Protein backbone atom coordinates (compact mmCIF):
# COMPACT_ATOMS: atom_id res chain seq x y z
CA MET A 1 -6.49 187.76 86.24
CA PRO A 2 -8.06 186.09 83.27
CA THR A 3 -11.71 185.28 82.77
CA HIS A 4 -13.22 181.90 82.82
CA ALA A 5 -14.37 182.55 79.35
CA GLU A 6 -10.71 183.44 78.27
CA LEU A 7 -9.12 179.99 80.04
CA ALA A 8 -11.73 178.09 78.41
CA LYS A 9 -10.28 179.56 74.92
CA VAL A 10 -7.21 178.67 75.78
CA HIS A 11 -7.77 175.09 76.99
CA ILE A 12 -10.24 174.53 74.02
CA ALA A 13 -7.47 175.48 71.66
CA LYS A 14 -4.80 173.37 73.57
CA ARG A 15 -7.10 170.35 73.02
CA ASP A 16 -8.00 171.29 69.39
CA LEU A 17 -4.11 171.62 68.34
CA LYS A 18 -3.63 168.16 70.46
CA LEU A 19 -0.76 169.99 72.63
CA SER A 20 0.48 167.74 75.26
CA ASP A 21 0.78 169.62 78.55
CA PRO A 22 4.47 169.86 78.67
CA LEU A 23 4.44 171.75 75.25
CA TYR A 24 1.45 173.64 76.21
CA ARG A 25 3.59 174.81 79.54
CA GLY A 26 6.51 175.21 77.52
CA PHE A 27 4.78 177.73 75.42
CA LEU A 28 3.70 179.46 78.24
CA ASN A 29 7.00 179.79 79.76
CA VAL A 30 8.64 180.63 76.84
CA LEU A 31 6.10 183.33 75.58
CA PHE A 32 5.53 184.86 78.87
CA GLY A 33 7.68 183.09 81.75
CA GLU A 34 4.62 181.59 83.36
CA THR A 35 3.43 177.84 83.49
CA SER A 36 -0.35 178.40 83.60
CA ALA A 37 -2.71 180.46 81.92
CA LYS A 38 -4.44 181.61 84.92
CA GLU A 39 -1.26 183.77 85.56
CA LEU A 40 -1.58 185.86 82.29
CA THR A 41 -3.04 189.03 81.71
CA HIS A 42 -5.81 189.69 79.20
CA GLU A 43 -3.66 190.97 76.43
CA GLN A 44 -1.12 187.72 77.21
CA ILE A 45 -4.27 185.54 76.56
CA ASP A 46 -5.00 187.53 73.37
CA GLU A 47 -1.37 187.03 72.15
CA LEU A 48 -1.60 183.50 73.02
CA LEU A 49 -4.70 182.49 71.43
CA GLU A 50 -2.96 184.29 68.31
CA HIS A 51 -0.11 181.82 68.66
CA PHE A 52 -2.51 179.09 68.50
CA LYS A 53 -4.17 180.68 65.56
CA SER A 54 -0.63 180.73 63.94
CA LEU A 55 -0.62 176.91 64.54
CA GLY A 56 -3.86 176.52 62.33
CA TRP A 57 -6.11 176.85 65.55
CA GLU A 58 -9.88 177.89 64.09
CA ASN A 59 -11.43 179.80 66.81
CA GLU A 60 -15.60 179.68 66.53
CA PHE A 61 -15.78 182.93 68.81
CA THR A 62 -13.52 184.95 66.59
CA HIS A 63 -16.80 186.45 64.91
CA SER A 64 -18.76 186.42 68.15
CA THR A 65 -20.49 189.47 68.90
CA ASP A 66 -23.26 188.14 71.01
CA GLY A 67 -21.95 188.57 74.37
CA ILE A 68 -19.77 184.96 74.47
CA GLY A 69 -16.38 186.39 75.25
CA ARG A 70 -15.08 189.84 74.00
CA ARG A 71 -16.03 191.11 70.47
CA GLN A 72 -13.34 190.98 67.82
CA SER A 73 -12.41 194.35 67.88
CA GLU A 74 -11.91 194.63 71.87
CA ARG A 75 -10.09 191.32 71.52
CA THR A 76 -7.54 191.84 69.00
CA PRO A 77 -5.37 194.44 68.29
CA SER A 78 -5.75 196.32 64.62
CA PRO A 79 -4.15 194.61 61.56
CA PRO A 80 -0.40 195.04 61.39
CA SER A 81 1.14 197.78 59.16
CA ARG A 82 2.26 196.88 55.83
CA GLY A 83 5.74 196.53 56.46
CA SER A 84 5.45 194.83 59.72
CA GLY A 85 6.31 191.45 58.40
CA HIS A 86 9.66 192.28 57.09
CA ARG A 87 10.54 193.02 60.81
CA PRO A 88 12.87 190.70 62.50
CA ALA A 89 11.20 188.15 64.73
CA THR A 90 10.83 189.05 68.34
CA MET A 91 12.92 187.09 70.86
CA ALA A 92 9.68 185.36 71.91
CA GLN A 93 9.09 184.13 68.63
CA ILE A 94 12.79 182.79 68.25
CA GLY A 95 12.08 181.15 71.54
CA LEU A 96 8.79 179.59 70.28
CA ILE A 97 10.64 177.99 67.13
CA VAL A 98 13.44 176.67 69.22
CA TYR A 99 11.12 175.29 71.94
CA LEU A 100 8.86 173.64 69.32
CA TRP A 101 11.88 172.34 67.66
CA GLN A 102 13.51 170.82 70.25
CA HIS A 103 10.24 169.36 71.91
CA GLY A 104 8.15 168.65 68.73
CA PRO A 105 7.27 164.71 68.34
CA GLY A 106 7.85 164.84 64.57
CA ILE A 107 11.24 166.21 64.86
CA ARG A 108 14.15 163.62 64.59
CA HIS A 109 16.97 165.79 64.77
CA LYS A 110 16.85 168.40 67.43
CA SER A 111 19.86 170.37 67.13
CA MET A 112 20.32 173.86 65.91
CA GLN A 113 21.98 173.09 62.69
CA ALA A 114 19.12 170.70 61.74
CA LEU A 115 16.73 173.58 62.24
CA ASP A 116 18.92 176.01 60.20
CA HIS A 117 18.60 173.34 57.60
CA PHE A 118 15.15 173.14 57.80
CA LEU A 119 14.78 177.14 57.56
CA ASN A 120 16.98 177.09 54.66
CA HIS A 121 15.55 174.23 52.83
CA HIS A 122 11.71 175.01 53.40
CA PHE A 123 11.68 178.74 53.77
CA HIS A 124 15.05 179.91 52.14
CA ILE A 125 16.22 181.59 55.36
CA GLY A 126 19.97 181.23 55.93
CA GLU A 127 19.76 181.06 59.72
CA LEU A 128 16.98 181.21 62.58
CA LYS A 129 18.38 185.02 63.51
CA GLN A 130 17.22 186.15 59.92
CA VAL A 131 13.60 185.11 60.30
CA LYS A 132 11.19 187.76 59.48
CA ALA A 133 8.21 188.28 61.81
CA GLY A 134 5.44 187.72 59.05
CA ARG A 135 7.19 184.17 58.39
CA VAL A 136 6.83 183.01 62.07
CA PRO A 137 3.10 181.50 61.46
CA GLY A 138 4.30 179.43 58.60
CA ILE A 139 7.36 178.26 60.40
CA LEU A 140 5.37 177.27 63.80
CA GLY A 141 2.87 175.58 61.40
CA ALA A 142 5.33 173.67 59.47
CA ILE A 143 7.38 172.43 62.51
CA LYS A 144 4.05 171.37 64.00
CA ASN A 145 2.95 169.41 61.00
CA MET A 146 6.49 167.37 60.70
CA GLY A 147 4.45 164.69 63.04
CA LYS A 148 1.92 164.28 60.85
CA MET A 149 4.13 163.48 57.50
């Protein structure tokens, strides 16, 4: 079970990113098969917070070592190895891209063809299955920001 501090961070991130409740729960469902952060493990909470950071959330606890939450070294895994950005995106990452595309308020054409066109036009990626893990944060951020254009 996650701690109160971990749940607070999740809900602060949700608020700061202005995620609607259905979109937030969709993230939880796509990433972990759950609809509540209370059901996540400590590791899953950390992964969720990393996804929120990829969407642009800045966490004031990131550099904390004063007992509020866990230290950075305890909370996040070591940096990815040099070639990790060239690995294919995971199924959870692909699912998150698709979910955000289909439910994002700034997306007018929610078809898979439109998503492939978006990826090709903005990221020079031919189709969704060719997305590399290192490109996922940028793609998610771009999709989220489409409503702000």
